[in-house]
Amino acid sequence: MAEAAARFDPETTEAERAEADGGRHLTIDLTTHDAVNGHTPPDQIADHVRTRWPRCVFPFCTRSSCTADLDHCDPYEQDGPPGQTSTANLFPLCRRHHRMRTHRELRTGRRWTYRPTNPTQNEPPNALIWTSPTGLRYLVDRDGTRPWPDPDTT
């Protein structure tokens, strides 16, 4: 776990990261996507996701992704199609926010949902749109969180 933390801590130097990886230097191409069959991602995919998203992707959260759960944006189905566990479908959520997304809110009976943005629909690339149980929407990207308009009001 300490080795994983060293790889993704922004304060860690390149030399310290290489030492934590047993002397090997990680090169991750964030422009490609990789997928595997099965629920649990291998280290290569987990490293890719955590490098792309250095923090929990829940709105306003600043917890590091190095210890976060990797959440399937489109839920994993045991008997579903191959390749469900992919760099395009996994996002880091700290344990608290992973539970908030997974379980319904008692008051409304709804849960938090999110999806990747679609640049062909005039949405910024490399971001997520979250919807709260009460219908509020937020855009989350590497720069942080900001309110996002409801599609019915734009």
N, C-alpha and C. Protein backbone atom coordinates (compact mmCIF):
# COMPACT_ATOMS: atom_id res chain seq x y z
N MET A 1 0.83 -1.19 0.00
CA MET A 1 0.00 0.00 0.00
C MET A 1 0.87 1.26 0.00
N ALA A 2 1.96 1.24 0.77
CA ALA A 2 2.85 2.40 0.79
C ALA A 2 3.47 2.61 -0.58
N GLU A 3 3.74 1.51 -1.31
CA GLU A 3 4.30 1.64 -2.64
C GLU A 3 3.32 2.32 -3.58
N ALA A 4 2.04 1.94 -3.49
CA ALA A 4 1.02 2.58 -4.33
C ALA A 4 0.89 4.05 -3.98
N ALA A 5 0.93 4.37 -2.69
CA ALA A 5 0.81 5.76 -2.27
C ALA A 5 1.97 6.58 -2.81
N ALA A 6 3.17 6.01 -2.80
CA ALA A 6 4.33 6.74 -3.32
C ALA A 6 4.20 7.01 -4.80
N ARG A 7 3.60 6.08 -5.55
CA ARG A 7 3.46 6.26 -7.00
C ARG A 7 2.56 7.43 -7.35
N PHE A 8 1.58 7.75 -6.50
CA PHE A 8 0.56 8.73 -6.89
C PHE A 8 0.55 9.99 -6.04
N ASP A 9 1.39 10.08 -5.04
CA ASP A 9 1.46 11.28 -4.22
C ASP A 9 2.17 12.37 -5.03
N PRO A 10 1.49 13.52 -5.26
CA PRO A 10 2.10 14.57 -6.09
C PRO A 10 3.38 15.13 -5.49
N GLU A 11 3.60 14.96 -4.18
CA GLU A 11 4.80 15.47 -3.53
C GLU A 11 5.99 14.52 -3.68
N THR A 12 5.75 13.32 -4.16
CA THR A 12 6.81 12.33 -4.31
C THR A 12 7.62 12.63 -5.56
N THR A 13 8.95 12.55 -5.45
CA THR A 13 9.80 12.81 -6.61
C THR A 13 9.82 11.60 -7.54
N GLU A 14 10.25 11.82 -8.78
CA GLU A 14 10.36 10.72 -9.74
C GLU A 14 11.26 9.61 -9.21
N ALA A 15 12.37 9.98 -8.57
CA ALA A 15 13.30 8.97 -8.05
C ALA A 15 12.64 8.14 -6.95
N GLU A 16 11.87 8.80 -6.08
CA GLU A 16 11.16 8.06 -5.02
C GLU A 16 10.11 7.14 -5.62
N ARG A 17 9.42 7.60 -6.67
CA ARG A 17 8.42 6.75 -7.33
C ARG A 17 9.08 5.52 -7.96
N ALA A 18 10.20 5.73 -8.62
CA ALA A 18 10.90 4.61 -9.25
C ALA A 18 11.37 3.62 -8.19
N GLU A 19 11.88 4.13 -7.05
CA GLU A 19 12.33 3.24 -5.98
C GLU A 19 11.15 2.45 -5.41
N ALA A 20 9.99 3.08 -5.26
CA ALA A 20 8.80 2.40 -4.75
C ALA A 20 8.35 1.31 -5.70
N ASP A 21 8.65 1.45 -6.98
CA ASP A 21 8.28 0.46 -7.98
C ASP A 21 9.39 -0.54 -8.23
N GLY A 22 10.31 -0.66 -7.29
CA GLY A 22 11.38 -1.63 -7.44
C GLY A 22 12.38 -1.23 -8.51
N GLY A 23 12.54 0.06 -8.74
CA GLY A 23 13.51 0.54 -9.70
C GLY A 23 12.97 0.70 -11.11
N ARG A 24 11.77 0.20 -11.38
CA ARG A 24 11.24 0.34 -12.73
C ARG A 24 10.50 1.67 -12.84
N HIS A 25 10.52 2.24 -14.01
CA HIS A 25 9.85 3.52 -14.25
C HIS A 25 8.51 3.25 -14.94
N LEU A 26 7.45 3.77 -14.37
CA LEU A 26 6.12 3.56 -14.97
C LEU A 26 5.90 4.55 -16.11
N THR A 27 5.44 4.03 -17.22
CA THR A 27 5.00 4.87 -18.33
C THR A 27 3.56 4.48 -18.63
N ILE A 28 2.65 5.43 -18.44
CA ILE A 28 1.23 5.16 -18.66
C ILE A 28 0.74 6.09 -19.74
N ASP A 29 0.21 5.51 -20.80
CA ASP A 29 -0.33 6.28 -21.91
C ASP A 29 -1.81 6.56 -21.62
N LEU A 30 -2.11 7.78 -21.23
CA LEU A 30 -3.48 8.13 -20.86
C LEU A 30 -4.39 8.33 -22.07
N THR A 31 -3.84 8.24 -23.26
CA THR A 31 -4.67 8.40 -24.46
C THR A 31 -5.25 7.08 -24.95
N THR A 32 -4.85 5.98 -24.33
CA THR A 32 -5.35 4.66 -24.73
C THR A 32 -6.32 4.13 -23.67
N HIS A 33 -7.09 3.14 -24.06
CA HIS A 33 -7.98 2.46 -23.11
C HIS A 33 -7.67 0.99 -23.14
N ASP A 34 -7.76 0.37 -21.97
CA ASP A 34 -7.49 -1.05 -21.83
C ASP A 34 -8.65 -1.67 -21.07
N ALA A 35 -8.94 -2.92 -21.34
CA ALA A 35 -10.05 -3.61 -20.69
C ALA A 35 -9.68 -5.05 -20.40
N VAL A 36 -10.31 -5.60 -19.36
CA VAL A 36 -10.14 -7.01 -19.01
C VAL A 36 -11.49 -7.60 -18.67
N ASN A 37 -11.54 -8.91 -18.68
CA ASN A 37 -12.75 -9.62 -18.22
C ASN A 37 -12.58 -9.86 -16.72
N GLY A 38 -13.65 -9.77 -15.98
CA GLY A 38 -13.58 -9.94 -14.53
C GLY A 38 -13.80 -8.62 -13.83
N HIS A 39 -14.17 -8.68 -12.56
CA HIS A 39 -14.52 -7.49 -11.80
C HIS A 39 -13.33 -6.68 -11.32
N THR A 40 -12.29 -7.34 -10.83
CA THR A 40 -11.16 -6.65 -10.22
C THR A 40 -10.12 -6.29 -11.27
N PRO A 41 -9.76 -5.01 -11.36
CA PRO A 41 -8.78 -4.61 -12.38
C PRO A 41 -7.36 -5.01 -11.98
N PRO A 42 -6.54 -5.38 -12.96
CA PRO A 42 -5.12 -5.63 -12.66
C PRO A 42 -4.43 -4.30 -12.35
N ASP A 43 -3.22 -4.38 -11.81
CA ASP A 43 -2.48 -3.17 -11.43
C ASP A 43 -2.31 -2.20 -12.60
N GLN A 44 -2.09 -2.70 -13.80
CA GLN A 44 -1.88 -1.82 -14.96
C GLN A 44 -3.10 -0.92 -15.18
N ILE A 45 -4.29 -1.47 -15.09
CA ILE A 45 -5.50 -0.67 -15.28
C ILE A 45 -5.74 0.23 -14.07
N ALA A 46 -5.54 -0.29 -12.87
CA ALA A 46 -5.71 0.53 -11.66
C ALA A 46 -4.76 1.72 -11.68
N ASP A 47 -3.50 1.49 -12.05
CA ASP A 47 -2.52 2.58 -12.13
C ASP A 47 -2.95 3.63 -13.16
N HIS A 48 -3.44 3.17 -14.31
CA HIS A 48 -3.90 4.08 -15.36
C HIS A 48 -5.02 4.98 -14.83
N VAL A 49 -6.02 4.38 -14.19
CA VAL A 49 -7.17 5.13 -13.69
C VAL A 49 -6.74 6.13 -12.62
N ARG A 50 -5.90 5.69 -11.70
CA ARG A 50 -5.47 6.58 -10.61
C ARG A 50 -4.54 7.69 -11.10
N THR A 51 -3.83 7.45 -12.18
CA THR A 51 -2.99 8.50 -12.76
C THR A 51 -3.87 9.53 -13.46
N ARG A 52 -4.88 9.06 -14.17
CA ARG A 52 -5.80 9.97 -14.87
C ARG A 52 -6.60 10.80 -13.88
N TRP A 53 -6.99 10.19 -12.77
CA TRP A 53 -7.81 10.86 -11.75
C TRP A 53 -7.06 10.78 -10.41
N PRO A 54 -6.25 11.78 -10.05
CA PRO A 54 -5.45 11.70 -8.82
C PRO A 54 -6.24 11.88 -7.53
N ARG A 55 -7.51 12.26 -7.64
CA ARG A 55 -8.35 12.45 -6.45
C ARG A 55 -9.66 11.69 -6.63
N CYS A 56 -10.36 11.44 -5.54
CA CYS A 56 -11.71 10.89 -5.59
C CYS A 56 -12.53 11.78 -6.52
N VAL A 57 -13.35 11.18 -7.38
CA VAL A 57 -14.08 11.96 -8.39
C VAL A 57 -15.45 12.45 -7.91
N PHE A 58 -15.78 12.22 -6.64
CA PHE A 58 -17.04 12.73 -6.10
C PHE A 58 -16.96 14.25 -6.00
N PRO A 59 -18.07 14.97 -6.24
CA PRO A 59 -18.03 16.43 -6.19
C PRO A 59 -17.43 16.97 -4.88
N PHE A 60 -16.48 17.86 -5.04
CA PHE A 60 -15.80 18.59 -3.97
C PHE A 60 -14.88 17.73 -3.10
N CYS A 61 -14.72 16.45 -3.39
CA CYS A 61 -13.83 15.61 -2.58
C CYS A 61 -12.39 15.84 -3.00
N THR A 62 -11.49 15.84 -2.03
CA THR A 62 -10.07 16.03 -2.32
C THR A 62 -9.22 14.85 -1.86
N ARG A 63 -9.85 13.75 -1.46
CA ARG A 63 -9.07 12.60 -1.00
C ARG A 63 -8.29 11.99 -2.17
N SER A 64 -7.11 11.51 -1.88
CA SER A 64 -6.23 10.92 -2.89
C SER A 64 -6.86 9.65 -3.46
N SER A 65 -6.61 9.41 -4.74
CA SER A 65 -7.13 8.20 -5.37
C SER A 65 -6.28 6.97 -5.06
N CYS A 66 -5.09 7.16 -4.46
CA CYS A 66 -4.20 6.01 -4.27
C CYS A 66 -4.80 4.96 -3.33
N THR A 67 -5.71 5.33 -2.47
CA THR A 67 -6.35 4.34 -1.59
C THR A 67 -7.84 4.20 -1.89
N ALA A 68 -8.30 4.83 -2.95
CA ALA A 68 -9.73 4.82 -3.28
C ALA A 68 -10.17 3.50 -3.89
N ASP A 69 -11.46 3.21 -3.76
CA ASP A 69 -12.06 2.09 -4.47
C ASP A 69 -12.16 2.49 -5.94
N LEU A 70 -12.08 1.52 -6.84
CA LEU A 70 -12.29 1.80 -8.26
C LEU A 70 -13.71 1.35 -8.60
N ASP A 71 -14.54 2.33 -8.94
CA ASP A 71 -15.96 2.10 -9.17
C ASP A 71 -16.23 1.92 -10.66
N HIS A 72 -17.07 0.94 -10.97
CA HIS A 72 -17.54 0.76 -12.34
C HIS A 72 -18.67 1.77 -12.56
N CYS A 73 -18.47 2.75 -13.44
CA CYS A 73 -19.50 3.75 -13.72
C CYS A 73 -20.76 3.06 -14.23
N ASP A 74 -20.61 2.21 -15.24
CA ASP A 74 -21.71 1.33 -15.66
C ASP A 74 -21.55 0.07 -14.83
N PRO A 75 -22.53 -0.26 -14.00
CA PRO A 75 -22.36 -1.37 -13.06
C PRO A 75 -21.88 -2.67 -13.72
N TYR A 76 -21.00 -3.35 -13.01
CA TYR A 76 -20.47 -4.62 -13.48
C TYR A 76 -21.54 -5.69 -13.36
N GLU A 77 -21.72 -6.46 -14.41
CA GLU A 77 -22.68 -7.57 -14.41
C GLU A 77 -21.89 -8.87 -14.52
N GLN A 78 -22.09 -9.77 -13.56
CA GLN A 78 -21.35 -11.02 -13.52
C GLN A 78 -21.44 -11.78 -14.85
N ASP A 79 -22.61 -11.86 -15.43
CA ASP A 79 -22.80 -12.57 -16.69
C ASP A 79 -22.89 -11.61 -17.87
N GLY A 80 -22.37 -10.40 -17.70
CA GLY A 80 -22.45 -9.39 -18.74
C GLY A 80 -21.38 -9.58 -19.81
N PRO A 81 -21.27 -8.63 -20.70
CA PRO A 81 -20.31 -8.73 -21.81
C PRO A 81 -18.86 -8.64 -21.33
N PRO A 82 -17.93 -9.14 -22.10
CA PRO A 82 -16.51 -9.04 -21.72
C PRO A 82 -16.04 -7.59 -21.79
N GLY A 83 -14.99 -7.30 -21.05
CA GLY A 83 -14.37 -5.98 -21.11
C GLY A 83 -15.07 -4.91 -20.29
N GLN A 84 -15.91 -5.30 -19.34
CA GLN A 84 -16.62 -4.29 -18.52
C GLN A 84 -15.67 -3.54 -17.58
N THR A 85 -14.58 -4.19 -17.21
CA THR A 85 -13.59 -3.56 -16.34
C THR A 85 -12.55 -2.91 -17.24
N SER A 86 -12.70 -1.61 -17.43
CA SER A 86 -11.82 -0.91 -18.38
C SER A 86 -11.43 0.45 -17.84
N THR A 87 -10.41 1.02 -18.45
CA THR A 87 -9.96 2.35 -18.05
C THR A 87 -11.01 3.41 -18.38
N ALA A 88 -11.94 3.10 -19.28
CA ALA A 88 -13.01 4.04 -19.63
C ALA A 88 -14.21 3.92 -18.70
N ASN A 89 -14.30 2.82 -17.93
CA ASN A 89 -15.47 2.58 -17.09
C ASN A 89 -15.14 2.58 -15.60
N LEU A 90 -13.89 2.79 -15.22
CA LEU A 90 -13.50 2.79 -13.82
C LEU A 90 -13.12 4.20 -13.37
N PHE A 91 -13.57 4.56 -12.17
CA PHE A 91 -13.26 5.87 -11.61
C PHE A 91 -13.01 5.71 -10.11
N PRO A 92 -12.02 6.45 -9.55
CA PRO A 92 -11.72 6.32 -8.13
C PRO A 92 -12.72 7.07 -7.25
N LEU A 93 -13.24 6.36 -6.27
CA LEU A 93 -14.11 6.96 -5.26
C LEU A 93 -13.59 6.53 -3.89
N CYS A 94 -13.42 7.49 -2.98
CA CYS A 94 -13.03 7.12 -1.63
C CYS A 94 -14.15 6.23 -1.06
N ARG A 95 -13.86 5.47 -0.05
CA ARG A 95 -14.82 4.50 0.47
C ARG A 95 -16.16 5.16 0.84
N ARG A 96 -16.10 6.31 1.48
CA ARG A 96 -17.34 7.01 1.88
C ARG A 96 -18.21 7.32 0.66
N HIS A 97 -17.61 7.87 -0.37
CA HIS A 97 -18.38 8.26 -1.54
C HIS A 97 -18.76 7.06 -2.41
N HIS A 98 -17.97 6.02 -2.37
CA HIS A 98 -18.36 4.79 -3.07
C HIS A 98 -19.64 4.24 -2.44
N ARG A 99 -19.71 4.26 -1.13
CA ARG A 99 -20.93 3.80 -0.45
C ARG A 99 -22.11 4.71 -0.74
N MET A 100 -21.87 6.02 -0.80
CA MET A 100 -22.96 6.95 -1.11
C MET A 100 -23.51 6.70 -2.51
N ARG A 101 -22.64 6.36 -3.44
CA ARG A 101 -23.09 6.09 -4.81
C ARG A 101 -23.82 4.75 -4.88
N THR A 102 -23.37 3.78 -4.12
CA THR A 102 -23.92 2.43 -4.19
C THR A 102 -25.29 2.31 -3.51
N HIS A 103 -25.47 3.00 -2.38
CA HIS A 103 -26.70 2.84 -1.59
C HIS A 103 -27.62 4.04 -1.73
N ARG A 104 -28.88 3.75 -1.74
CA ARG A 104 -29.90 4.81 -1.87
C ARG A 104 -29.97 5.66 -0.61
N GLU A 105 -30.30 6.93 -0.81
CA GLU A 105 -30.50 7.84 0.31
C GLU A 105 -31.84 7.51 0.96
N LEU A 106 -31.88 7.45 2.28
CA LEU A 106 -33.12 7.07 2.97
C LEU A 106 -34.25 8.06 2.73
N ARG A 107 -33.93 9.35 2.74
CA ARG A 107 -34.97 10.37 2.64
C ARG A 107 -35.67 10.37 1.28
N THR A 108 -34.89 10.27 0.20
CA THR A 108 -35.47 10.37 -1.14
C THR A 108 -35.64 9.02 -1.83
N GLY A 109 -34.91 8.00 -1.35
CA GLY A 109 -34.94 6.70 -2.03
C GLY A 109 -34.13 6.69 -3.31
N ARG A 110 -33.38 7.76 -3.55
CA ARG A 110 -32.55 7.87 -4.75
C ARG A 110 -31.08 7.78 -4.37
N ARG A 111 -30.24 7.65 -5.37
CA ARG A 111 -28.79 7.60 -5.13
C ARG A 111 -28.08 8.59 -6.03
N TRP A 112 -26.84 8.89 -5.67
CA TRP A 112 -25.98 9.69 -6.53
C TRP A 112 -25.67 8.90 -7.80
N THR A 113 -25.66 9.57 -8.94
CA THR A 113 -25.28 8.93 -10.20
C THR A 113 -24.27 9.81 -10.91
N TYR A 114 -23.51 9.20 -11.81
CA TYR A 114 -22.58 9.99 -12.62
C TYR A 114 -22.36 9.31 -13.95
N ARG A 115 -21.83 10.10 -14.86
CA ARG A 115 -21.48 9.59 -16.18
C ARG A 115 -20.36 10.44 -16.76
N PRO A 116 -19.54 9.84 -17.63
CA PRO A 116 -18.53 10.65 -18.33
C PRO A 116 -19.21 11.65 -19.26
N THR A 117 -18.57 12.77 -19.47
CA THR A 117 -19.12 13.77 -20.39
C THR A 117 -18.99 13.30 -21.83
N ASN A 118 -19.78 13.93 -22.68
CA ASN A 118 -19.78 13.61 -24.11
C ASN A 118 -19.47 14.89 -24.88
N PRO A 119 -18.22 15.06 -25.33
CA PRO A 119 -17.85 16.28 -26.04
C PRO A 119 -18.67 16.53 -27.31
N THR A 120 -19.24 15.49 -27.91
CA THR A 120 -20.07 15.71 -29.11
C THR A 120 -21.40 16.38 -28.76
N GLN A 121 -21.74 16.42 -27.46
CA GLN A 121 -22.96 17.10 -27.02
C GLN A 121 -22.63 18.41 -26.31
N ASN A 122 -21.52 19.02 -26.72
CA ASN A 122 -21.11 20.32 -26.19
C ASN A 122 -20.73 20.26 -24.70
N GLU A 123 -20.25 19.12 -24.25
CA GLU A 123 -19.77 18.97 -22.88
C GLU A 123 -18.25 18.91 -22.91
N PRO A 124 -17.59 19.41 -21.87
CA PRO A 124 -16.12 19.40 -21.87
C PRO A 124 -15.57 17.97 -21.84
N PRO A 125 -14.43 17.73 -22.47
CA PRO A 125 -13.84 16.39 -22.46
C PRO A 125 -13.21 16.08 -21.10
N ASN A 126 -13.00 14.80 -20.85
CA ASN A 126 -12.29 14.33 -19.66
C ASN A 126 -12.90 14.84 -18.36
N ALA A 127 -14.20 14.72 -18.25
CA ALA A 127 -14.90 15.17 -17.06
C ALA A 127 -16.07 14.22 -16.78
N LEU A 128 -16.68 14.41 -15.62
CA LEU A 128 -17.84 13.62 -15.21
C LEU A 128 -18.97 14.55 -14.82
N ILE A 129 -20.19 14.14 -15.08
CA ILE A 129 -21.36 14.89 -14.62
C ILE A 129 -22.05 14.04 -13.56
N TRP A 130 -22.14 14.59 -12.37
CA TRP A 130 -22.78 13.93 -11.23
C TRP A 130 -24.18 14.50 -11.03
N THR A 131 -25.11 13.66 -10.62
CA THR A 131 -26.46 14.11 -10.27
C THR A 131 -26.75 13.63 -8.85
N SER A 132 -27.14 14.57 -7.99
CA SER A 132 -27.43 14.24 -6.58
C SER A 132 -28.82 13.61 -6.47
N PRO A 133 -29.12 13.01 -5.33
CA PRO A 133 -30.46 12.43 -5.14
C PRO A 133 -31.59 13.46 -5.26
N THR A 134 -31.27 14.73 -5.06
CA THR A 134 -32.29 15.77 -5.19
C THR A 134 -32.30 16.43 -6.57
N GLY A 135 -31.43 15.96 -7.48
CA GLY A 135 -31.44 16.46 -8.85
C GLY A 135 -30.42 17.53 -9.16
N LEU A 136 -29.62 17.98 -8.18
CA LEU A 136 -28.57 18.96 -8.46
C LEU A 136 -27.47 18.28 -9.26
N ARG A 137 -26.87 19.02 -10.19
CA ARG A 137 -25.84 18.43 -11.06
C ARG A 137 -24.52 19.19 -10.90
N TYR A 138 -23.42 18.42 -11.01
CA TYR A 138 -22.09 18.98 -10.86
C TYR A 138 -21.17 18.42 -11.94
N LEU A 139 -20.28 19.26 -12.43
CA LEU A 139 -19.24 18.83 -13.35
C LEU A 139 -17.96 18.66 -12.54
N VAL A 140 -17.32 17.50 -12.67
CA VAL A 140 -16.06 17.23 -11.98
C VAL A 140 -15.00 16.92 -13.03
N ASP A 141 -13.88 17.65 -12.94
CA ASP A 141 -12.73 17.36 -13.79
C ASP A 141 -11.48 17.49 -12.94
N ARG A 142 -10.32 17.42 -13.55
CA ARG A 142 -9.08 17.48 -12.77
C ARG A 142 -8.89 18.83 -12.07
N ASP A 143 -9.62 19.86 -12.50
CA ASP A 143 -9.51 21.18 -11.88
C ASP A 143 -10.43 21.36 -10.69
N GLY A 144 -11.36 20.42 -10.47
CA GLY A 144 -12.27 20.53 -9.34
C GLY A 144 -13.72 20.32 -9.73
N THR A 145 -14.62 20.95 -8.97
CA THR A 145 -16.06 20.77 -9.12
C THR A 145 -16.72 22.11 -9.35
N ARG A 146 -17.72 22.12 -10.22
CA ARG A 146 -18.54 23.32 -10.39
C ARG A 146 -19.96 22.90 -10.72
N PRO A 147 -20.95 23.74 -10.41
CA PRO A 147 -22.33 23.41 -10.75
C PRO A 147 -22.48 23.20 -12.25
N TRP A 148 -23.40 22.33 -12.64
CA TRP A 148 -23.66 22.06 -14.05
C TRP A 148 -25.15 22.19 -14.28
N PRO A 149 -25.56 22.90 -15.33
CA PRO A 149 -27.00 23.15 -15.53
C PRO A 149 -27.77 21.88 -15.86
N ASP A 150 -29.03 21.89 -15.46
CA ASP A 150 -29.96 20.81 -15.79
C ASP A 150 -30.22 20.87 -17.28
N PRO A 151 -30.25 19.73 -17.98
CA PRO A 151 -30.48 19.78 -19.43
C PRO A 151 -31.82 20.36 -19.82
N ASP A 152 -32.80 20.34 -18.90
CA ASP A 152 -34.12 20.88 -19.21
C ASP A 152 -34.16 22.41 -19.16
N THR A 153 -33.13 23.02 -18.53
CA THR A 153 -33.12 24.48 -18.38
C THR A 153 -32.17 25.16 -19.36
N THR A 154 -31.47 24.37 -20.18
CA THR A 154 -30.51 24.99 -21.11
C THR A 154 -31.06 25.07 -22.50
